[in-house]
Structures are given as structure tokens and as C-alpha cells.
Protein backbone atom coordinates (compact mmCIF):
# COMPACT_ATOMS: atom_id res chain seq x y z
CA MET A 1 23.47 -22.55 98.96
CA LYS A 2 23.07 -19.15 100.85
CA ILE A 3 22.17 -19.17 104.41
CA ILE A 4 18.68 -17.82 105.27
CA GLU A 5 20.10 -14.50 106.99
CA ASP A 6 21.98 -13.63 103.88
CA LEU A 7 18.96 -14.15 101.76
CA ILE A 8 16.99 -11.83 104.09
CA LYS A 9 19.67 -9.24 104.17
CA ALA A 10 19.65 -9.10 100.30
CA GLU A 11 15.91 -8.87 100.05
CA MET A 12 15.74 -6.18 102.66
CA THR A 13 18.30 -3.99 101.04
CA PRO A 14 16.50 -0.91 99.65
CA LYS A 15 16.36 -1.16 95.69
CA THR A 16 14.53 0.55 92.82
CA VAL A 17 11.79 -1.62 91.28
CA THR A 18 9.61 -0.88 88.25
CA HIS A 19 6.09 -1.62 88.04
CA TRP A 20 4.11 -0.99 84.82
CA GLY A 21 6.60 1.70 83.87
CA LYS A 22 6.77 3.57 87.11
CA GLU A 23 9.92 3.47 89.27
CA TYR A 24 9.62 3.05 93.10
CA HIS A 25 12.86 4.08 94.68
CA ASN A 26 14.15 2.84 98.13
CA HIS A 27 11.69 0.01 98.04
CA THR A 28 11.82 -2.65 100.63
CA PRO A 29 9.36 -5.52 101.38
CA GLU A 30 7.73 -6.23 104.70
CA LEU A 31 9.56 -8.89 106.50
CA VAL A 32 7.16 -11.09 108.50
CA SER A 33 8.40 -11.73 112.00
CA SER A 34 6.48 -14.89 112.67
CA VAL A 35 8.14 -18.18 111.28
CA HIS A 36 6.19 -20.97 109.77
CA GLY A 37 7.66 -24.42 110.54
CA ASP A 38 11.42 -24.71 110.66
CA GLY A 39 11.94 -21.44 108.91
CA LYS A 40 14.60 -22.69 106.53
CA CYS A 41 13.03 -21.58 103.40
CA LEU A 42 12.41 -17.92 102.37
CA ILE A 43 9.47 -17.04 100.06
CA TYR A 44 7.73 -13.72 98.86
CA ILE A 45 4.01 -13.18 98.53
CA MET A 46 2.92 -10.38 96.51
CA PRO A 47 -0.79 -9.51 96.59
CA LEU A 48 -1.89 -8.32 93.19
CA ASN A 49 -3.57 -5.25 94.66
CA THR A 50 -0.71 -3.96 96.30
CA ARG A 51 2.03 -4.46 93.65
CA PRO A 52 4.94 -3.78 93.72
CA ASN A 53 4.77 -4.25 97.47
CA TYR A 54 5.47 -7.69 98.82
CA TYR A 55 5.98 -9.83 101.94
CA ILE A 56 8.94 -11.90 102.94
CA LEU A 57 8.32 -15.00 105.02
CA ARG A 58 10.35 -17.66 106.63
CA VAL A 59 8.61 -20.83 106.06
CA ASP A 60 9.11 -24.68 106.60
CA SER A 61 11.77 -26.13 104.37
CA SER A 62 9.01 -28.58 102.95
CA VAL A 63 7.62 -25.58 101.01
CA SER A 64 10.37 -25.83 98.43
CA GLN A 65 9.08 -29.35 97.53
CA MET A 66 5.42 -28.11 97.14
CA ILE A 67 5.80 -27.40 93.41
CA GLU A 68 4.66 -31.03 92.88
CA ALA A 69 1.94 -30.84 95.32
CA ASP A 70 -1.66 -30.93 94.28
CA GLU A 71 -3.53 -27.83 93.86
CA ASP A 72 -5.69 -28.20 97.07
CA GLU A 73 -2.48 -28.54 99.23
CA ILE A 74 -1.02 -25.52 97.66
CA ARG A 75 -4.22 -23.54 98.27
CA ASP A 76 -4.40 -24.59 102.01
CA LEU A 77 -0.77 -23.69 102.47
CA ILE A 78 -1.37 -20.17 100.95
CA GLU A 79 -4.37 -19.71 103.13
CA GLU A 80 -2.07 -20.49 106.18
CA PHE A 81 0.41 -17.85 104.97
CA TYR A 82 -2.51 -15.33 104.42
CA ASP A 83 -3.60 -16.06 108.16
CA ILE A 84 -0.02 -15.26 109.24
CA LEU A 85 0.06 -11.98 107.31
CA GLU A 86 -3.42 -10.97 108.56
CA ASP A 87 -2.33 -11.71 112.22
CA GLU A 88 0.63 -9.43 111.78
CA PHE A 89 -0.59 -6.69 109.52
CA GLY A 90 -4.27 -6.76 109.57
CA ARG A 91 -6.59 -7.11 106.59
CA ARG A 92 -7.56 -4.46 104.22
CA GLU A 93 -11.21 -4.69 104.20
CA GLU A 94 -13.12 -4.55 100.82
CA GLU A 95 -16.20 -2.73 102.25
CA ASP A 96 -17.50 -1.56 105.54
CA ASP A 97 -20.98 -2.62 106.97
CA ASP A 98 -22.74 -0.09 104.85
CA GLY A 99 -21.11 -0.98 101.53
CA ASN A 100 -18.56 1.70 101.48
CA GLU A 101 -15.00 0.75 100.33
CA VAL A 102 -12.35 1.02 103.07
CA LEU A 103 -8.88 1.26 101.87
CA GLU A 104 -6.32 0.34 104.66
CA GLU A 105 -2.97 1.19 103.73
CA TRP A 106 -0.14 -1.12 102.99
CA PRO A 107 1.14 -3.43 104.73
CA ALA A 108 -2.50 -4.51 105.50
CA LEU A 109 -3.36 -7.69 103.63
CA ASN A 110 -5.30 -7.27 100.51
CA VAL A 111 -5.71 -10.39 98.48
CA GLY A 112 -8.97 -9.71 96.83
CA SER A 113 -7.54 -10.15 93.33
CA GLY A 114 -5.09 -12.94 94.42
CA SER A 115 -1.43 -13.11 94.79
CA CYS A 116 1.80 -14.56 93.32
CA TRP A 117 4.30 -16.34 95.44
CA GLY A 118 7.65 -18.11 94.97
CA GLU A 119 10.74 -19.13 96.67
CA ILE A 120 13.62 -16.91 97.19
CA ASN A 121 17.00 -18.48 96.75
């Protein structure tokens, strides 16, 4: 098993990614500075509205067992992760008080259309 620092180094190495036929060169994710729990598990969260951008989080090792958790537990956990992301990067508001769309730039969190996530190992 790779140690967490090796996984982070590999993920943070700039790479070319392709999303819907377009290439993005020298792409690196956003590494979240705060650590959830024991920090022995590495996950990504990719908001659908900001693909191919994604975040890397160090989270509690129990998260790797969450695949068998019920849907409500997983939803609560993801909401905790969203809170961590929002605290660090802010939130991309959908509308201002007058109903006008406000588009904060990445890495502000934008999960209006949901996200995908998974363990990095």
C-alpha cells in the first residue's frame, strides 16, 4: 500500500486530462489543507459543474469502508466534506439577492448539479 504522501505527490503532479474531447494541459487538482479525522485515506471530489477540476482531501480511514454504508450516512459524510471545501475555498453562489447569476471562479465550491467522489489508492 502506498503511503499517503506518495499518493498526494502523484495526484499533484501536473498532467493532461481530457474532458468531453477537450484537452487540459498542466492540470492539477486543489489539495485541501484541512484534514478530516485521522487523514489516512485520500479521496477526490469532482463537482459536476466544474469538471475536470477536482479537490483532493485527506479524510478518516473509515471512509474507505463507507461503500457499504447506507445512503443517508454517505450523504451526511459528503455534506461534511462540502463544508470543509466551502470553508477553505468559498462557495460559488448561484444567484445574488436580485436573482442575477454570480459565477465565482474555481476553486470556489459549486455543487449545484452534484458531484462524484472516490478513494485514491
